[in-house]
Amino acid sequence: MAGHETRLVSFASERSDDLMPGTTQVVTSDVEAALSDIERVIADFRPDVAYTHAVYDPLVLRWIYGRLPAIAYIHSPYLICPGYALFLRRSVKACDRTAGPVCIVNAQIERCCFGRNPAGHIRRLHQVRALIRATSQVDVLVGSDYMRHRLIVNGLPVERLGLLAPLLFFETASEYVLPPAPEVILFAGRVTPEKGLRDLIQALALLRSDWRLIVAGDGPDRVACEQLSERLHVAQRVDFVGWVTPERMKMLYQRCAFFAMPSLWPEPYGRVGPEAFLHGRPVVAYAVGGIPDWLEHGKNGYLAVPGDVGSLSSAIQRLLENPDECERMGRQAQEGASLRWSAEAHVQKLEAHLQAAIHRFSS
């Protein structure tokens, strides 16, 4: 789009044929071999700057950052949380602690880290601290104020942190289409406790209005959610359609009147919400993580008090009872999405950050 030449280096445990043109795939678990492959790419391509995404080996990061101007884009809490999600699974709430010894205690009490072996949790905590030290060497971009704050309290220099909304889609917004039925609500995502589908079903069960919920996705909590809808006598109103293709997902966005996003874990950004905006659909969501960065209460949807089923139910009721309000919000959401998340706007902002990284490295 901007005329730059790029080379992508992709790490994988096994080879894939589904790669973008100009990609060098590193298929190895051997760090030394991976560094050798990257060194060959640098020697052949002679890049001006590196842009890292989802690289979680401290040695690889230190090696890259010592050789090139670089920016790290941080998509998830993996960098700062031994449990990967900043979410206390037993208490079913967000974790606001910094990475430290308390994580080892929480791993046992809250089961917020994988496995029950403390030695594994200690190793993961050491890795988190090494990742923070490595990443603090370069400029860092995040998508939300929430992620920026979490990185600051975990020790990353505030002056090295910038905000850049993630590039979510390349297509432009199509013409607004009225919802065919004002009572259809869409949920999309992996069906796990932290995604809050149980809360959504409970919130809907409180309503006297007519409604129908489409659940696009699957996961370990699906059976529990199906059983919950049976117990609350709303199973006939909930359609579990499983995973769907991107093409069908677009059809579901057009079919619903609005989108529900009851995440209990602190979403670093929450991309499905802006995707709903692109199709002209407002969003009802808990005010967690990065969601308030893009969901403006009363303008393109409603924010509910995190974990408060009554608050979520009331927000949904407002849209169900006011189709004109739902349409107004949907149109505003679509108009804002086509401007805020366009590829052109993203690239322009990214160019400025990359140039600043090059200047900082050279001086």
Protein backbone atom coordinates (compact mmCIF):
# COMPACT_ATOMS: atom_id res chain seq x y z
CA MET A 1 0.00 0.00 0.00
CA ALA A 2 2.77 2.46 0.93
CA GLY A 3 5.44 1.10 -1.41
CA HIS A 4 7.63 -0.52 1.23
CA GLU A 5 9.35 -3.84 0.63
CA THR A 6 8.81 -6.35 3.43
CA ARG A 7 10.02 -9.80 4.34
CA LEU A 8 8.09 -11.98 6.80
CA VAL A 9 9.83 -14.54 9.01
CA SER A 10 7.35 -17.02 10.49
CA PHE A 11 8.08 -19.48 13.29
CA ALA A 12 6.21 -22.80 13.28
CA SER A 13 6.51 -26.29 14.75
CA GLU A 14 5.69 -27.90 11.41
CA ARG A 15 5.80 -26.78 7.81
CA SER A 16 2.81 -25.12 6.17
CA ASP A 17 2.13 -24.46 2.50
CA ASP A 18 -0.40 -21.71 3.27
CA LEU A 19 1.99 -18.76 3.49
CA MET A 20 2.01 -15.21 2.23
CA PRO A 21 4.41 -14.43 -0.65
CA GLY A 22 7.86 -13.38 0.55
CA THR A 23 7.67 -15.41 3.76
CA THR A 24 10.63 -17.29 5.22
CA GLN A 25 9.32 -20.08 7.44
CA VAL A 26 11.47 -21.24 10.36
CA VAL A 27 10.37 -24.76 11.27
CA THR A 28 12.40 -25.65 14.32
CA SER A 29 12.33 -25.74 18.10
CA ASP A 30 16.08 -25.13 18.18
CA VAL A 31 16.70 -21.47 19.03
CA GLU A 32 20.24 -21.48 17.60
CA ALA A 33 18.94 -22.81 14.28
CA ALA A 34 16.21 -20.19 14.26
CA LEU A 35 18.72 -17.41 14.84
CA SER A 36 20.85 -18.74 12.00
CA ASP A 37 17.84 -18.58 9.66
CA ILE A 38 17.02 -15.04 10.75
CA GLU A 39 20.64 -13.99 10.26
CA ARG A 40 20.53 -15.21 6.67
CA VAL A 41 17.35 -13.21 6.04
CA ILE A 42 18.98 -10.08 7.48
CA ALA A 43 22.10 -10.56 5.38
CA ASP A 44 20.12 -11.12 2.17
CA PHE A 45 17.32 -8.60 2.69
CA ARG A 46 19.19 -5.91 4.68
CA PRO A 47 16.07 -4.53 6.45
CA ASP A 48 15.88 -1.02 7.86
CA VAL A 49 13.68 -2.02 10.79
CA ALA A 50 12.17 -5.10 12.44
CA TYR A 51 8.53 -5.40 13.51
CA THR A 52 7.90 -8.31 15.88
CA HIS A 53 4.58 -9.95 16.66
CA ALA A 54 3.96 -12.82 19.08
CA VAL A 55 7.63 -13.73 19.54
CA TYR A 56 7.93 -15.10 23.06
CA ASP A 57 11.50 -16.34 23.29
CA PRO A 58 13.64 -13.81 25.19
CA LEU A 59 16.86 -14.96 23.49
CA VAL A 60 15.40 -14.44 20.01
CA LEU A 61 14.07 -11.02 20.95
CA ARG A 62 17.38 -9.86 22.48
CA TRP A 63 19.22 -11.09 19.40
CA ILE A 64 16.93 -9.21 16.99
CA TYR A 65 16.76 -6.04 19.08
CA GLY A 66 20.54 -5.89 19.36
CA ARG A 67 20.98 -5.84 15.59
CA LEU A 68 18.14 -3.76 14.16
CA PRO A 69 15.88 -0.84 14.96
CA ALA A 70 12.72 -2.55 16.11
CA ILE A 71 9.15 -2.21 17.30
CA ALA A 72 7.28 -4.89 19.23
CA TYR A 73 3.51 -5.10 18.88
CA ILE A 74 2.00 -6.67 22.00
CA HIS A 75 -1.33 -8.34 21.22
CA SER A 76 -1.93 -10.29 24.41
CA PRO A 77 -1.03 -10.52 28.13
CA TYR A 78 1.34 -13.42 27.33
CA LEU A 79 4.26 -11.05 27.87
CA ILE A 80 3.26 -10.10 31.43
CA CYS A 81 1.18 -12.98 32.81
CA PRO A 82 2.38 -16.52 33.57
CA GLY A 83 -1.23 -17.66 33.02
CA TYR A 84 -1.40 -15.85 29.65
CA ALA A 85 -4.74 -14.13 30.34
CA LEU A 86 -4.66 -11.91 33.47
CA PHE A 87 -7.73 -13.86 34.59
CA LEU A 88 -8.43 -15.62 37.89
CA ARG A 89 -10.37 -18.66 36.73
CA ARG A 90 -11.71 -19.83 40.07
CA SER A 91 -12.87 -16.34 41.13
CA VAL A 92 -13.98 -15.61 37.53
CA LYS A 93 -12.54 -12.10 37.47
CA ALA A 94 -9.68 -10.11 36.02
CA CYS A 95 -6.30 -10.12 37.78
CA ASP A 96 -4.80 -6.70 38.50
CA ARG A 97 -1.53 -7.90 40.05
CA THR A 98 1.90 -7.46 38.47
CA ALA A 99 3.93 -10.53 37.57
CA GLY A 100 5.70 -11.73 40.70
CA PRO A 101 5.69 -14.31 43.52
CA VAL A 102 1.94 -13.83 43.99
CA CYS A 103 1.50 -15.52 40.62
CA ILE A 104 2.85 -18.78 42.07
CA VAL A 105 0.28 -18.60 44.88
CA ASN A 106 -2.56 -17.73 42.52
CA ALA A 107 -1.60 -20.58 40.22
CA GLN A 108 -2.47 -23.01 43.01
CA ILE A 109 -5.50 -21.20 44.46
CA GLU A 110 -7.06 -19.77 41.31
CA ARG A 111 -5.81 -22.33 38.76
CA CYS A 112 -4.95 -19.42 36.49
CA CYS A 113 -1.82 -21.09 35.07
CA PHE A 114 -1.64 -24.29 33.07
CA GLY A 115 -1.03 -27.42 35.12
CA ARG A 116 -0.60 -27.80 38.87
CA ASN A 117 3.18 -28.19 39.06
CA PRO A 118 4.74 -25.20 40.90
CA ALA A 119 8.07 -25.80 39.16
CA GLY A 120 6.36 -25.16 35.82
CA HIS A 121 4.77 -21.99 37.13
CA ILE A 122 8.13 -20.71 38.40
CA ARG A 123 9.73 -21.38 35.01
CA ARG A 124 6.94 -19.48 33.29
CA LEU A 125 7.33 -16.54 35.70
CA HIS A 126 11.07 -16.41 34.95
CA GLN A 127 10.24 -16.39 31.24
CA VAL A 128 7.80 -13.49 31.73
CA ARG A 129 10.43 -11.44 33.53
CA ALA A 130 12.99 -12.18 30.80
CA LEU A 131 10.46 -11.15 28.12
CA ILE A 132 9.78 -7.87 29.92
CA ARG A 133 13.52 -7.11 30.15
CA ALA A 134 14.05 -7.91 26.46
CA THR A 135 11.04 -5.93 25.26
CA SER A 136 11.96 -2.87 27.34
CA GLN A 137 14.86 -2.31 24.92
CA VAL A 138 12.60 -1.21 22.05
CA ASP A 139 9.53 0.86 21.25
CA VAL A 140 6.31 -1.03 21.98
CA LEU A 141 2.85 -0.66 20.42
CA VAL A 142 -0.42 -1.83 21.96
CA GLY A 143 -4.02 -1.54 20.86
CA SER A 144 -5.67 -0.25 24.02
CA ASP A 145 -5.14 1.99 27.04
CA TYR A 146 -5.75 -1.06 29.21
CA MET A 147 -2.78 -2.95 27.72
CA ARG A 148 -0.62 0.16 27.91
CA HIS A 149 -1.37 0.50 31.63
CA ARG A 150 -0.69 -3.19 32.31
CA LEU A 151 2.71 -2.97 30.59
CA ILE A 152 3.62 0.18 32.54
CA VAL A 153 2.85 -1.35 35.94
CA ASN A 154 4.91 -4.38 34.94
CA GLY A 155 7.96 -2.21 34.36
CA LEU A 156 8.05 -1.24 30.69
CA PRO A 157 9.20 2.38 30.19
CA VAL A 158 6.23 4.68 29.65
CA GLU A 159 8.14 6.73 27.09
CA ARG A 160 8.60 3.66 24.88
CA LEU A 161 4.89 2.77 24.73
CA GLY A 162 2.57 3.87 21.93
CA LEU A 163 -1.05 3.22 20.98
CA LEU A 164 -2.01 1.80 17.59
CA ALA A 165 -5.36 0.13 17.04
CA PRO A 166 -4.79 -3.27 15.41
CA LEU A 167 -5.42 -3.72 11.71
CA LEU A 168 -8.66 -5.71 11.82
CA PHE A 169 -9.92 -5.77 8.25
CA PHE A 170 -9.03 -4.70 4.75
CA GLU A 171 -12.52 -4.46 3.27
CA THR A 172 -14.52 -1.26 3.47
CA ALA A 173 -17.97 -1.08 5.00
CA SER A 174 -20.74 -2.11 2.65
CA GLU A 175 -24.04 -0.26 2.45
CA TYR A 176 -25.98 -0.40 5.69
CA VAL A 177 -28.55 -3.21 5.81
CA LEU A 178 -31.47 -3.13 8.21
CA PRO A 179 -31.66 -6.14 10.54
CA PRO A 180 -34.31 -8.56 9.23
CA ALA A 181 -35.51 -9.20 12.80
CA PRO A 182 -35.04 -6.87 15.79
CA GLU A 183 -34.92 -9.69 18.34
CA VAL A 184 -31.91 -11.67 17.02
CA ILE A 185 -28.68 -11.37 19.06
CA LEU A 186 -25.29 -12.77 18.02
CA PHE A 187 -22.48 -14.12 20.20
CA ALA A 188 -19.24 -15.26 18.53
CA GLY A 189 -16.10 -16.69 20.06
CA ARG A 190 -14.60 -19.65 21.83
CA VAL A 191 -17.06 -21.01 24.37
CA THR A 192 -15.03 -20.85 27.58
CA PRO A 193 -15.99 -19.52 31.04
CA GLU A 194 -13.99 -16.32 30.58
CA LYS A 195 -15.99 -15.39 27.45
CA GLY A 196 -19.09 -14.98 29.61
CA LEU A 197 -21.67 -16.93 27.62
CA ARG A 198 -23.20 -18.23 30.85
CA ASP A 199 -23.74 -14.65 32.00
CA LEU A 200 -25.36 -13.81 28.67
CA ILE A 201 -27.79 -16.73 28.88
CA GLN A 202 -28.71 -15.78 32.44
CA ALA A 203 -29.18 -12.13 31.41
CA LEU A 204 -31.47 -13.12 28.54
CA ALA A 205 -33.49 -15.43 30.78
CA LEU A 206 -34.42 -12.39 32.89
CA LEU A 207 -36.09 -10.66 29.95
CA ARG A 208 -39.75 -10.69 29.09
CA SER A 209 -39.15 -9.37 25.58
CA ASP A 210 -38.97 -11.68 22.60
CA TRP A 211 -35.38 -12.61 21.74
CA ARG A 212 -33.30 -15.23 19.97
CA LEU A 213 -29.57 -15.89 20.52
CA ILE A 214 -27.19 -17.31 17.92
CA VAL A 215 -23.97 -18.75 19.36
CA ALA A 216 -21.24 -18.98 16.72
CA GLY A 217 -18.31 -20.91 18.19
CA ASP A 218 -17.43 -23.95 20.20
CA GLY A 219 -15.31 -24.86 23.19
CA PRO A 220 -15.05 -26.70 26.51
CA ASP A 221 -17.90 -24.74 28.15
CA ARG A 222 -20.48 -25.42 25.44
CA VAL A 223 -22.13 -28.39 27.20
CA ALA A 224 -22.43 -26.41 30.44
CA CYS A 225 -24.01 -23.51 28.54
CA GLU A 226 -26.46 -25.84 26.80
CA GLN A 227 -27.41 -27.36 30.15
CA LEU A 228 -27.82 -23.89 31.66
CA SER A 229 -30.20 -22.84 28.90
CA GLU A 230 -32.21 -26.02 29.57
CA ARG A 231 -32.40 -25.31 33.31
CA LEU A 232 -33.53 -21.74 32.66
CA HIS A 233 -36.13 -22.96 30.13
CA VAL A 234 -34.73 -20.90 27.25
CA ALA A 235 -33.06 -23.68 25.23
CA GLN A 236 -35.56 -23.23 22.40
CA ARG A 237 -34.36 -19.65 21.98
CA VAL A 238 -30.62 -20.40 21.80
CA ASP A 239 -29.08 -21.74 18.59
CA PHE A 240 -25.61 -23.27 18.98
CA VAL A 241 -24.28 -23.29 15.41
CA GLY A 242 -20.62 -24.16 16.18
CA TRP A 243 -17.66 -22.77 14.28
CA VAL A 244 -18.60 -21.08 11.02
CA THR A 245 -16.69 -19.99 7.93
CA PRO A 246 -15.80 -16.29 7.47
CA GLU A 247 -18.41 -16.11 4.72
CA ARG A 248 -21.15 -17.43 6.98
CA MET A 249 -19.97 -15.20 9.80
CA LYS A 250 -20.66 -12.18 7.58
CA MET A 251 -24.17 -13.54 6.98
CA LEU A 252 -24.73 -13.89 10.74
CA TYR A 253 -23.64 -10.29 11.32
CA GLN A 254 -26.26 -9.23 8.76
CA ARG A 255 -28.91 -11.47 10.33
CA CYS A 256 -28.58 -10.15 13.90
CA ALA A 257 -29.86 -6.87 15.26
CA PHE A 258 -26.88 -6.41 17.57
CA PHE A 259 -23.86 -8.22 18.95
CA ALA A 260 -23.28 -9.35 22.55
CA MET A 261 -19.78 -9.53 24.02
CA PRO A 262 -20.03 -10.50 27.73
CA SER A 263 -16.33 -11.24 28.22
CA LEU A 264 -15.30 -11.59 31.86
CA TRP A 265 -11.57 -11.71 31.16
CA PRO A 266 -9.87 -8.39 30.27
CA GLU A 267 -9.86 -8.53 26.48
CA PRO A 268 -6.65 -6.86 25.26
CA TYR A 269 -8.78 -5.37 22.47
CA GLY A 270 -11.73 -7.56 21.42
CA ARG A 271 -11.69 -7.57 17.63
CA VAL A 272 -15.12 -9.15 17.08
CA GLY A 273 -16.77 -5.96 18.36
CA PRO A 274 -15.31 -3.68 15.66
CA GLU A 275 -16.07 -6.43 13.13
CA ALA A 276 -19.73 -6.15 14.13
CA PHE A 277 -19.44 -2.36 13.73
CA LEU A 278 -18.22 -2.82 10.16
CA HIS A 279 -21.51 -4.60 9.40
CA GLY A 280 -23.57 -1.89 11.03
CA ARG A 281 -24.35 -3.68 14.27
CA PRO A 282 -24.03 -2.08 17.74
CA VAL A 283 -22.47 -4.03 20.61
CA VAL A 284 -23.47 -4.73 24.19
CA ALA A 285 -20.46 -5.70 26.31
CA TYR A 286 -19.00 -5.76 29.78
CA ALA A 287 -16.65 -2.82 30.36
CA VAL A 288 -13.47 -4.90 30.69
CA GLY A 289 -9.94 -4.66 29.30
CA GLY A 290 -9.64 -2.80 26.01
CA ILE A 291 -13.34 -2.86 25.12
CA PRO A 292 -14.06 0.69 26.41
CA ASP A 293 -11.41 1.95 23.97
CA TRP A 294 -13.78 1.38 21.06
CA LEU A 295 -17.26 0.94 22.57
CA GLU A 296 -18.70 4.37 23.38
CA HIS A 297 -21.63 3.95 25.73
CA GLY A 298 -24.84 5.25 24.15
CA LYS A 299 -23.20 5.95 20.78
CA ASN A 300 -22.31 2.61 19.19
CA GLY A 301 -23.60 0.29 21.90
CA TYR A 302 -23.86 -0.12 25.65
CA LEU A 303 -21.32 -0.99 28.34
CA ALA A 304 -22.46 -3.07 31.32
CA VAL A 305 -20.90 -3.45 34.76
CA PRO A 306 -18.45 -6.40 34.57
CA GLY A 307 -19.94 -9.55 36.03
CA ASP A 308 -23.30 -7.88 36.78
CA VAL A 309 -25.92 -10.00 34.99
CA GLY A 310 -28.67 -7.49 35.82
CA SER A 311 -26.69 -4.65 34.23
CA LEU A 312 -26.08 -6.76 31.13
CA SER A 313 -29.77 -7.70 30.94
CA SER A 314 -30.84 -4.06 31.18
CA ALA A 315 -28.48 -3.00 28.38
CA ILE A 316 -29.82 -5.75 26.12
CA GLN A 317 -33.41 -4.82 27.00
CA ARG A 318 -32.82 -1.22 25.89
CA LEU A 319 -31.83 -2.32 22.38
CA LEU A 320 -34.58 -4.90 22.11
CA GLU A 321 -37.24 -2.34 23.05
CA ASN A 322 -35.87 0.42 20.83
CA PRO A 323 -35.26 -0.79 17.24
CA ASP A 324 -34.84 2.81 16.04
CA GLU A 325 -32.12 3.39 18.64
CA CYS A 326 -30.48 0.13 17.62
CA GLU A 327 -30.47 1.24 13.98
CA ARG A 328 -29.05 4.67 14.85
CA MET A 329 -26.22 3.11 16.84
CA GLY A 330 -25.54 0.57 14.11
CA ARG A 331 -25.21 3.26 11.46
CA GLN A 332 -22.87 5.32 13.68
CA ALA A 333 -20.82 2.23 14.47
CA GLN A 334 -20.41 1.39 10.80
CA GLU A 335 -19.45 4.92 9.84
CA GLY A 336 -16.81 5.06 12.57
CA ALA A 337 -15.41 1.62 11.75
CA SER A 338 -14.72 2.43 8.10
CA LEU A 339 -12.59 5.38 9.22
CA ARG A 340 -10.92 4.19 12.42
CA TRP A 341 -9.86 0.70 11.33
CA SER A 342 -9.02 1.26 7.68
CA ALA A 343 -5.78 -0.21 6.38
CA GLU A 344 -4.69 3.20 5.10
CA ALA A 345 -5.04 4.87 8.52
CA HIS A 346 -3.21 2.00 10.21
CA VAL A 347 -0.28 2.08 7.79
CA GLN A 348 0.15 5.85 8.08
CA LYS A 349 0.41 5.67 11.87
CA LEU A 350 2.68 2.61 11.73
CA GLU A 351 5.06 4.37 9.33
CA ALA A 352 5.54 7.19 11.84
CA HIS A 353 6.36 4.73 14.63
CA LEU A 354 8.81 2.82 12.45
CA GLN A 355 10.61 6.00 11.42
CA ALA A 356 10.89 7.02 15.08
CA ALA A 357 12.38 3.63 15.95
CA ILE A 358 14.96 3.97 13.17
CA HIS A 359 15.90 7.47 14.35
CA ARG A 360 16.16 6.35 18.00
CA PHE A 361 18.40 3.41 17.06
CA SER A 362 20.75 5.50 14.89
CA SER A 363 21.15 8.21 17.53
